[in-house]
Protein backbone atom coordinates (compact mmCIF):
# COMPACT_ATOMS: atom_id res chain seq x y z
CA MET A 1 -32.87 8.14 13.79
CA LEU A 2 -33.52 10.99 11.28
CA PRO A 3 -36.25 13.50 12.50
CA GLU A 4 -39.44 13.25 10.49
CA LEU A 5 -39.08 17.04 9.45
CA VAL A 6 -35.76 16.68 7.99
CA LYS A 7 -36.90 13.75 5.98
CA GLN A 8 -39.83 15.96 4.77
CA LYS A 9 -37.47 18.74 3.82
CA ILE A 10 -35.34 15.92 1.88
CA GLU A 11 -38.17 15.00 0.11
CA GLU A 12 -39.34 18.54 -0.78
CA ASN A 13 -35.72 19.40 -2.20
CA LYS A 14 -35.61 16.25 -4.31
CA SER A 15 -36.37 18.10 -7.65
CA ALA A 16 -34.07 20.78 -6.88
CA MET A 17 -31.41 18.51 -5.89
CA LEU A 18 -31.78 16.66 -9.29
CA ASP A 19 -31.46 19.63 -11.10
CA THR A 20 -28.33 20.63 -9.25
CA LEU A 21 -26.73 17.32 -10.21
CA GLN A 22 -27.82 17.62 -14.06
CA THR A 23 -25.99 21.00 -14.18
CA LEU A 24 -23.07 19.66 -12.29
CA ILE A 25 -22.75 16.62 -14.54
CA SER A 26 -22.97 18.73 -17.76
CA ILE A 27 -19.62 20.57 -16.71
CA PRO A 28 -16.78 18.12 -18.32
CA SER A 29 -14.75 18.71 -15.22
CA VAL A 30 -11.78 16.23 -16.31
CA ALA A 31 -8.73 17.74 -14.71
CA THR A 32 -5.99 19.22 -17.01
CA ALA A 33 -2.30 18.01 -16.75
CA GLU A 34 -1.15 21.60 -16.67
CA PRO A 35 -2.78 24.87 -15.44
CA GLU A 36 -5.22 26.49 -17.81
CA ASN A 37 -6.47 30.16 -17.75
CA GLY A 38 -5.11 30.67 -14.53
CA THR A 39 -6.60 27.54 -12.97
CA PRO A 40 -4.57 24.85 -11.55
CA TYR A 41 -6.88 22.10 -13.08
CA GLY A 42 -8.45 23.48 -16.06
CA THR A 43 -11.34 25.78 -16.70
CA ASN A 44 -13.94 22.94 -16.52
CA CYS A 45 -13.13 22.04 -13.12
CA ALA A 46 -13.10 25.56 -12.05
CA LYS A 47 -16.59 26.09 -13.38
CA ALA A 48 -17.83 22.90 -11.53
CA LEU A 49 -16.37 24.48 -8.22
CA ASP A 50 -17.87 27.98 -9.05
CA PHE A 51 -21.35 26.27 -9.74
CA MET A 52 -21.09 24.34 -6.24
CA LEU A 53 -20.05 27.42 -4.27
CA GLN A 54 -22.60 29.56 -5.74
CA THR A 55 -25.31 26.94 -4.76
CA ALA A 56 -23.95 26.66 -1.27
CA GLU A 57 -24.00 30.60 -0.80
CA SER A 58 -27.77 30.48 -1.94
CA PHE A 59 -28.43 28.27 0.76
CA GLY A 60 -26.95 30.46 3.50
CA LEU A 61 -23.55 28.64 3.72
CA HIS A 62 -20.26 30.55 4.03
CA THR A 63 -17.95 29.63 1.27
CA THR A 64 -14.09 30.21 0.35
CA ASN A 65 -12.37 29.33 -2.64
CA PHE A 66 -8.80 28.07 -2.14
CA ASP A 67 -7.56 29.26 -5.55
CA TYR A 68 -9.47 26.65 -7.40
CA HIS A 69 -7.72 23.64 -5.78
CA VAL A 70 -10.49 23.20 -3.02
CA GLY A 71 -13.76 25.11 -2.36
CA VAL A 72 -15.31 24.89 1.20
CA ALA A 73 -18.89 25.62 2.41
CA ASP A 74 -19.32 26.06 6.28
CA THR A 75 -22.38 25.88 8.19
CA SER A 76 -20.85 28.54 10.59
CA THR A 77 -17.64 30.55 10.73
CA ASP A 78 -17.96 31.24 14.66
CA THR A 79 -15.69 28.37 15.52
CA ALA A 80 -13.62 26.12 13.61
CA PRO A 81 -15.46 23.23 11.68
CA TYR A 82 -15.74 20.12 13.67
CA LEU A 83 -16.88 17.66 10.93
CA GLY A 84 -15.53 17.78 7.55
CA ILE A 85 -17.47 16.01 4.45
CA LEU A 86 -15.06 15.49 2.01
CA ALA A 87 -16.10 15.04 -2.04
CA HIS A 88 -14.42 15.96 -5.21
CA LEU A 89 -15.66 17.54 -8.54
CA ASP A 90 -13.16 16.26 -10.93
CA VAL A 91 -13.88 13.24 -13.21
CA VAL A 92 -11.93 10.50 -15.10
CA PRO A 93 -11.90 10.99 -19.00
CA VAL A 94 -14.59 9.14 -21.00
CA MET A 95 -14.57 7.24 -24.32
CA GLU A 96 -17.91 8.75 -25.55
CA GLU A 97 -18.33 6.15 -28.42
CA ASN A 98 -18.65 3.56 -25.81
CA TRP A 99 -21.60 5.29 -23.83
CA HIS A 100 -25.04 4.65 -24.58
CA THR A 101 -25.94 8.27 -23.36
CA PRO A 102 -24.13 11.27 -23.46
CA PRO A 103 -21.65 11.07 -20.64
CA PHE A 104 -21.83 14.80 -20.11
CA THR A 105 -25.56 14.96 -20.39
CA ALA A 106 -27.33 13.81 -16.99
CA THR A 107 -29.92 11.27 -18.39
CA ILE A 108 -32.57 10.08 -16.36
CA GLN A 109 -33.63 6.45 -17.48
CA ASN A 110 -35.31 3.76 -15.49
CA ASP A 111 -35.18 6.00 -12.30
CA CYS A 112 -31.34 6.22 -12.57
CA ILE A 113 -29.20 9.17 -13.64
CA TYR A 114 -26.52 8.14 -16.30
CA GLY A 115 -23.41 10.64 -16.71
CA ARG A 116 -20.00 10.87 -15.76
CA GLY A 117 -19.65 11.63 -11.97
CA ALA A 118 -23.03 10.51 -11.18
CA ILE A 119 -21.59 8.20 -8.35
CA ASP A 120 -18.09 9.27 -8.23
CA ASP A 121 -18.38 11.83 -6.90
CA LYS A 122 -20.52 14.46 -8.01
CA GLY A 123 -23.77 12.65 -7.08
CA PRO A 124 -22.41 12.13 -3.41
CA ALA A 125 -21.13 15.85 -3.34
CA VAL A 126 -24.58 17.08 -4.24
CA ALA A 127 -26.17 14.87 -1.60
CA ALA A 128 -23.94 16.24 1.10
CA LEU A 129 -24.95 19.74 0.03
CA TYR A 130 -28.49 18.89 0.43
CA ALA A 131 -28.36 17.10 3.60
CA ILE A 132 -26.90 20.21 5.19
CA LYS A 133 -29.63 22.23 3.57
CA ALA A 134 -32.26 19.79 4.85
CA ILE A 135 -31.17 20.30 8.45
CA ALA A 136 -31.26 23.96 7.93
CA ASP A 137 -34.47 24.04 6.40
CA ALA A 138 -35.81 22.01 9.40
CA GLY A 139 -34.84 24.99 11.71
CA ILE A 140 -32.23 23.07 13.34
CA GLN A 141 -29.17 24.83 14.81
CA LEU A 142 -25.97 22.52 14.88
CA LYS A 143 -23.85 22.65 18.04
CA LYS A 144 -20.73 21.92 16.05
CA PRO A 145 -19.95 23.50 12.68
CA VAL A 146 -19.72 21.36 9.72
CA ARG A 147 -17.74 21.98 6.61
CA LEU A 148 -18.30 20.58 3.02
CA LEU A 149 -14.76 20.47 1.27
CA LEU A 150 -15.19 20.02 -2.64
CA GLY A 151 -11.82 19.41 -4.20
CA CYS A 152 -10.84 19.27 -7.91
CA ASN A 153 -7.77 16.95 -8.13
CA GLU A 154 -8.71 13.40 -6.44
CA GLU A 155 -8.52 11.32 -9.67
CA ASN A 156 -4.72 12.44 -10.36
CA GLY A 157 -2.97 12.55 -7.02
CA SER A 158 -4.99 14.66 -4.70
CA THR A 159 -2.57 17.49 -4.97
CA ASP A 160 -5.69 20.08 -4.30
CA LEU A 161 -5.65 18.69 -0.64
CA GLU A 162 -1.78 19.34 -0.47
CA TYR A 163 -2.46 22.80 -1.35
CA TYR A 164 -5.54 23.20 1.18
CA ASN A 165 -3.41 21.76 4.02
CA GLN A 166 -0.90 24.68 3.33
CA LYS A 167 -3.60 27.01 3.91
CA ASP A 168 -6.04 25.73 6.38
CA THR A 169 -6.41 22.44 8.54
CA MET A 170 -8.77 19.62 8.22
CA PRO A 171 -11.65 19.27 10.85
CA PRO A 172 -10.86 16.54 13.35
CA LEU A 173 -13.58 14.38 12.20
CA VAL A 174 -13.45 13.76 8.14
CA PHE A 175 -15.48 11.23 6.11
CA THR A 176 -15.82 11.09 2.41
CA PRO A 177 -18.76 9.80 0.33
CA ASP A 178 -16.01 8.56 -2.11
CA GLY A 179 -16.14 4.81 -1.25
CA SER A 180 -18.61 2.31 -0.09
CA TYR A 181 -21.09 1.60 2.59
CA PRO A 182 -21.13 0.51 5.55
CA LEU A 183 -17.93 2.09 6.12
CA ILE A 184 -14.28 1.77 4.91
CA SER A 185 -11.65 1.62 7.56
CA ILE A 186 -8.71 0.10 5.67
CA GLU A 187 -7.32 1.17 2.22
CA LYS A 188 -4.42 -1.05 0.60
CA GLY A 189 -1.37 0.84 -0.25
CA MET A 190 -1.14 2.24 -3.88
CA MET A 191 1.67 2.62 -6.30
CA ARG A 192 1.64 3.96 -9.72
CA ILE A 193 4.76 2.87 -11.88
CA GLN A 194 5.82 4.02 -15.16
CA PHE A 195 8.00 1.84 -17.43
CA GLU A 196 9.84 2.42 -20.71
CA ALA A 197 11.60 0.25 -23.47
CA PRO A 198 13.03 0.82 -26.83
CA ALA A 199 10.30 0.22 -29.40
CA THR A 200 12.96 -0.30 -32.45
CA LYS A 201 12.48 -4.05 -32.68
CA ASP A 202 8.80 -4.24 -33.20
CA SER A 203 7.06 -3.76 -36.39
CA ILE A 204 4.18 -1.43 -35.00
CA LEU A 205 3.48 1.83 -36.54
CA LEU A 206 1.23 3.19 -34.01
CA LEU A 207 0.04 1.69 -30.58
CA LYS A 208 -2.09 3.86 -28.03
CA ALA A 209 -4.36 2.24 -25.00
CA GLY A 210 -5.68 3.43 -21.84
CA THR A 211 -7.38 6.72 -20.77
CA ALA A 212 -6.35 7.06 -17.01
CA PRO A 213 -3.61 5.36 -14.79
CA ASN A 214 -6.12 3.86 -12.23
CA ALA A 215 -8.74 2.41 -14.59
CA VAL A 216 -8.89 -1.07 -16.55
CA PRO A 217 -8.38 0.24 -20.17
CA ALA A 218 -11.49 -0.79 -22.55
CA GLN A 219 -9.69 -0.09 -25.48
CA ALA A 220 -6.27 -0.72 -27.16
CA VAL A 221 -5.51 0.65 -30.67
CA CYS A 222 -2.56 -0.34 -32.86
CA VAL A 223 -1.39 0.25 -36.64
CA LEU A 224 0.64 -2.58 -38.36
CA PRO A 225 2.21 -2.82 -41.70
CA ALA A 226 -0.20 -4.37 -44.24
CA LEU A 227 1.65 -7.71 -44.35
CA TYR A 228 0.45 -8.48 -41.02
CA HIS A 229 -3.30 -8.51 -42.41
CA LYS A 230 -3.32 -12.04 -43.26
CA LEU A 231 -1.45 -13.19 -40.14
CA LEU A 232 -4.51 -11.88 -37.83
CA PRO A 233 -7.17 -13.97 -36.56
CA GLU A 234 -10.35 -13.50 -38.78
CA ASN A 235 -12.39 -12.42 -36.04
CA CYS A 236 -10.37 -9.31 -35.14
CA ASN A 237 -11.64 -5.83 -35.26
CA ILE A 238 -9.38 -4.35 -38.07
CA ILE A 239 -9.55 -1.92 -40.87
CA ALA A 240 -6.75 -2.43 -43.70
CA ASN A 241 -5.64 -1.02 -47.01
CA SER A 242 -2.76 -1.72 -49.16
CA ASP A 243 -0.42 0.15 -46.32
CA PHE A 244 -1.37 -0.78 -43.12
CA VAL A 245 -3.86 -2.33 -40.98
CA LYS A 246 -5.74 -0.86 -37.96
CA LEU A 247 -6.29 -3.30 -35.12
CA THR A 248 -8.40 -2.47 -32.28
CA TRP A 249 -9.21 -4.64 -29.25
CA ASN A 250 -12.24 -3.78 -27.05
CA GLY A 251 -12.47 -5.03 -23.53
CA GLN A 252 -14.41 -3.68 -20.37
CA ALA A 253 -13.39 -0.62 -18.31
CA ALA A 254 -13.29 -1.03 -14.48
CA HIS A 255 -11.62 0.54 -11.39
CA ALA A 256 -7.83 -0.36 -11.01
CA SER A 257 -8.71 -1.56 -7.47
CA THR A 258 -11.14 -4.14 -8.82
CA PRO A 259 -9.69 -5.23 -12.08
CA GLU A 260 -11.34 -8.73 -11.75
CA THR A 261 -14.66 -6.79 -12.89
CA GLY A 262 -13.03 -5.49 -16.07
CA ASN A 263 -11.43 -6.80 -19.39
CA ASN A 264 -8.08 -5.33 -20.17
CA ALA A 265 -7.65 -4.43 -23.38
CA ILE A 266 -3.79 -3.56 -23.31
CA THR A 267 -2.97 -7.29 -22.06
CA GLY A 268 -5.84 -8.71 -24.88
CA LEU A 269 -3.86 -6.73 -27.51
CA LEU A 270 -0.23 -7.70 -26.17
CA GLU A 271 -1.38 -11.51 -26.05
CA LEU A 272 -2.76 -11.31 -29.72
CA LEU A 273 0.40 -9.74 -31.00
CA ALA A 274 2.69 -12.03 -28.86
CA LYS A 275 1.42 -14.85 -31.03
CA LEU A 276 2.84 -13.33 -34.14
CA PRO A 277 6.34 -12.96 -35.37
CA ASP A 278 8.48 -10.03 -34.90
CA PHE A 279 7.00 -8.64 -31.89
CA PRO A 280 9.73 -9.52 -29.06
CA MET A 281 8.50 -6.53 -26.81
CA CYS A 282 4.81 -7.66 -26.97
CA LYS A 283 5.92 -11.19 -25.95
CA ALA A 284 8.08 -9.81 -23.11
CA LEU A 285 5.16 -7.44 -21.77
CA SER A 286 2.49 -10.00 -22.11
CA ALA A 287 4.76 -12.54 -19.89
CA CYS A 288 4.57 -9.84 -17.34
CA PHE A 289 1.03 -9.02 -17.79
CA PRO A 290 -0.65 -12.11 -18.99
CA HIS A 291 -4.38 -11.50 -20.22
CA GLY A 292 -6.72 -12.31 -17.29
CA CYS A 293 -4.01 -11.83 -14.51
CA THR A 294 -4.96 -9.25 -11.77
CA ASP A 295 -2.46 -10.32 -8.99
CA GLY A 296 0.85 -9.71 -9.99
CA SER A 297 1.91 -13.14 -9.87
CA ASN A 298 4.02 -12.97 -13.21
CA LEU A 299 5.83 -10.07 -11.63
CA GLY A 300 6.50 -11.94 -8.44
CA ILE A 301 4.53 -9.84 -5.98
CA ALA A 302 1.30 -11.66 -5.46
CA CYS A 303 0.27 -11.75 -1.79
CA GLU A 304 -2.59 -11.38 0.48
CA ASP A 305 -3.78 -11.17 4.22
CA ALA A 306 -7.15 -11.77 6.03
CA GLU A 307 -7.26 -8.02 7.04
CA SER A 308 -6.87 -6.32 4.05
CA GLY A 309 -7.04 -8.78 1.09
CA ALA A 310 -4.88 -9.64 -1.97
CA LEU A 311 -2.76 -7.46 -4.07
CA THR A 312 -3.99 -6.30 -7.44
CA CYS A 313 -1.93 -5.08 -10.35
CA ILE A 314 -2.73 -3.90 -13.82
CA CYS A 315 -1.10 -2.39 -16.92
CA SER A 316 -3.36 0.49 -17.23
CA GLN A 317 -1.75 2.45 -20.15
CA LEU A 318 0.36 1.89 -23.09
CA GLU A 319 1.86 3.82 -25.77
CA ILE A 320 4.53 3.92 -28.31
CA GLN A 321 5.99 7.57 -28.34
CA GLY A 322 8.35 8.04 -31.05
CA ASP A 323 11.19 5.43 -30.46
CA LYS A 324 10.17 4.13 -27.12
CA TRP A 325 7.28 2.47 -25.38
CA VAL A 326 5.63 3.95 -22.50
CA GLY A 327 3.48 2.23 -20.02
CA MET A 328 1.83 2.64 -16.64
CA MET A 329 1.22 0.06 -13.95
CA ASP A 330 -1.28 0.32 -11.00
CA ILE A 331 -0.77 -1.74 -8.15
CA ARG A 332 -3.02 -1.81 -4.62
CA TYR A 333 -1.06 -3.82 -1.97
CA PRO A 334 -2.28 -5.23 1.41
CA ILE A 335 -0.81 -4.42 4.72
CA SER A 336 1.23 -7.18 5.09
CA THR A 337 3.92 -6.14 2.61
CA THR A 338 5.83 -2.77 1.66
CA LYS A 339 6.07 -0.57 -1.16
CA GLU A 340 9.97 -0.84 -1.02
CA ALA A 341 9.32 -4.87 -1.34
CA ILE A 342 7.07 -4.49 -4.12
CA PHE A 343 9.19 -1.88 -6.32
CA GLN A 344 12.33 -4.14 -5.66
CA GLN A 345 10.78 -7.00 -7.27
CA VAL A 346 8.88 -5.11 -9.99
CA GLN A 347 12.11 -3.36 -11.13
CA LYS A 348 13.97 -6.65 -11.26
CA ARG A 349 11.16 -8.43 -13.40
CA LEU A 350 10.85 -5.62 -15.69
CA GLN A 351 14.42 -5.34 -16.31
CA GLU A 352 14.46 -8.92 -17.30
CA ALA A 353 11.84 -7.76 -19.96
CA GLY A 354 13.95 -5.15 -21.29
CA CYS A 355 12.27 -2.13 -19.52
CA SER A 356 13.44 0.63 -16.94
CA CYS A 357 10.73 1.80 -14.55
CA LYS A 358 10.39 4.33 -11.90
CA VAL A 359 7.51 5.25 -9.29
CA LEU A 360 5.38 8.20 -10.09
CA ILE A 361 2.95 7.86 -6.94
CA GLN A 362 3.27 5.67 -3.51
CA ASN A 363 0.83 5.85 -0.81
CA ASP A 364 1.02 3.64 2.19
CA PRO A 365 -2.06 1.78 3.49
CA HIS A 366 -4.47 3.66 5.38
CA VAL A 367 -5.72 2.09 8.77
CA VAL A 368 -8.51 3.66 11.08
CA PRO A 369 -9.31 1.49 14.41
CA LYS A 370 -12.93 0.07 14.10
CA GLU A 371 -13.33 0.56 17.77
CA SER A 372 -13.10 4.56 17.55
CA PRO A 373 -16.20 6.56 18.53
CA PHE A 374 -16.32 8.12 14.94
CA VAL A 375 -16.51 4.85 13.35
CA GLN A 376 -18.97 3.49 15.52
CA THR A 377 -21.12 6.49 15.20
CA LEU A 378 -21.30 6.20 11.56
CA LEU A 379 -21.74 2.37 11.60
CA ARG A 380 -24.88 2.77 14.00
CA VAL A 381 -26.34 5.34 11.67
CA TYR A 382 -25.92 3.12 8.76
CA GLU A 383 -27.66 0.26 10.65
CA GLU A 384 -30.41 2.75 11.62
CA GLU A 385 -30.96 4.15 8.03
CA THR A 386 -30.97 0.87 6.25
CA GLY A 387 -31.62 -2.02 8.75
CA GLU A 388 -28.65 -3.90 7.65
CA LYS A 389 -25.52 -4.74 9.61
CA GLY A 390 -22.98 -2.17 10.01
CA GLU A 391 -19.34 -3.34 9.77
CA CYS A 392 -15.97 -2.01 8.66
CA ILE A 393 -14.44 -3.23 5.56
CA ALA A 394 -11.21 -2.78 3.39
CA ILE A 395 -10.61 -1.96 0.01
CA GLY A 396 -8.15 -1.68 -2.68
CA GLY A 397 -9.26 1.78 -3.83
CA GLY A 398 -7.57 4.88 -2.43
CA THR A 399 -10.32 7.14 -1.25
CA TYR A 400 -10.23 10.70 -0.80
CA VAL A 401 -9.05 10.44 3.07
CA HIS A 402 -6.34 7.95 2.15
CA ASP A 403 -3.91 10.64 3.62
CA ILE A 404 -6.12 12.20 6.33
CA PRO A 405 -5.33 10.61 9.77
CA GLY A 406 -8.57 9.27 11.04
CA GLY A 407 -10.68 9.90 8.01
CA VAL A 408 -12.82 7.28 6.70
CA ALA A 409 -15.01 6.72 3.69
CA PHE A 410 -18.84 6.34 4.46
CA GLY A 411 -20.58 5.58 1.14
CA ALA A 412 -21.70 6.01 -1.51
CA GLU A 413 -21.73 3.01 -3.02
CA PHE A 414 -24.08 0.42 -1.39
CA PRO A 415 -23.32 -3.25 -0.97
CA ASN A 416 -23.57 -5.74 -4.24
CA TRP A 417 -24.21 -2.90 -6.53
CA ASP A 418 -21.99 -2.13 -9.79
CA TYR A 419 -22.49 1.61 -10.86
CA HIS A 420 -19.94 1.46 -13.55
CA MET A 421 -17.67 3.82 -11.59
CA HIS A 422 -14.70 4.82 -13.80
CA GLY A 423 -16.45 2.95 -16.54
CA ASP A 424 -18.82 3.29 -19.40
CA ASP A 425 -22.60 4.08 -18.69
CA GLU A 426 -21.74 5.40 -15.02
CA PHE A 427 -24.92 5.74 -13.17
CA VAL A 428 -26.73 6.16 -9.76
CA PRO A 429 -30.20 5.14 -8.99
CA ILE A 430 -32.31 8.13 -7.90
CA GLU A 431 -33.42 6.27 -4.74
CA HIS A 432 -29.88 5.54 -3.58
CA LEU A 433 -29.11 9.43 -4.01
CA MET A 434 -31.94 10.03 -1.83
CA LYS A 435 -30.77 7.45 0.82
CA ASP A 436 -27.40 9.17 0.45
CA VAL A 437 -28.73 12.33 1.68
CA ARG A 438 -30.51 11.02 4.48
CA MET A 439 -27.76 8.96 5.62
CA MET A 440 -25.63 11.98 5.79
CA ALA A 441 -28.13 14.16 7.35
CA ALA A 442 -28.49 11.54 10.10
CA ALA A 443 -24.42 11.40 10.50
CA ILE A 444 -24.26 15.15 10.75
CA LEU A 445 -26.95 15.36 13.33
CA GLU A 446 -25.53 12.52 15.52
CA LEU A 447 -22.03 14.09 15.37
CA CYS A 448 -22.60 17.63 15.43
CA GLY A 449 -25.81 17.78 17.71
């Protein structure tokens, strides 16, 4: 169990921790597609990393900046770190008009903090830092060093970790508070597939939908010639004049690994347009991605197994660029199939629909034996701190440790909670944040002495 003095220090640091998180959320650290001002992921990601490393230094930790890809804060430099806690500071984009509070202002309401990154992953990153601080403030000397790793590109392929691995090595034990409690030991495989098709046959002046490749899109917008105004249902969200009609389809954002919790605006728009004349590509794509279907059955890739669950598939982005359609798919697949089998079938089905496709990102499933001492220690910590049963779970989301052998996700989402991760009005209850600090402090002490 967590020593009482450490618990006391955690409570004493509560106000400072909330201030730190509010400052961090205020930095709109959405990674840029290209380097910016000498930083690999943009100046805002660099600002977020600078702020966290400066804060860590003020706590007496030893910091290193790996060229703004990853920053680390070590409890000691006498020996190599034994435990790594891996968090990220980049966040997914926002559609500000859909938020009830400013997404990059940490708003405290009803004992919760609202803001982009509150749960993914700025809140957990700050909690990890203050867990380390509480142990030091309690005067406890760790027998084995801890390294807090803070990356800046988790949401777009984790190229930050590729860079870090060229410069340094991961500690032998690594967990990330970038998933769910009790503990994630299986992560499905993931594929992102881009598809293209000629746009010359559809009477669409503009179409744009989706802000992130790994999120269910909340909004899809298209512009049609004015003659289609009278063909659209009366309850459509439209703006019309004598030249064109702008149609907006509003859905509900969700993480790509749990698409059933969202409402896909792209497939909703495609379904509507497919019912109108002169939209053959909309009909073809709607047949591939029926509205409400999230298992890939119309692509012929639906499958599941008892250990890792069912395959999920979404169309996450779609746009007409000049004379072509460009779309993105996100697929999370169980351990009972392979990425090769999936792509072969997807390619066949999309070719039948008039599309070409290519794989942009692909990751094999990640599996860590639940019998390992590392896993069992973290599960014991969870049980002691919550009073709930600790057990391994499998998810569709790829956490930050997906490519780290033996790495697991430990928090930060508690069971049966929807924190709107990757969605509008993302939040974290303050008490959950405090539980995260206690949980990580207990894990550090159990693993590092």
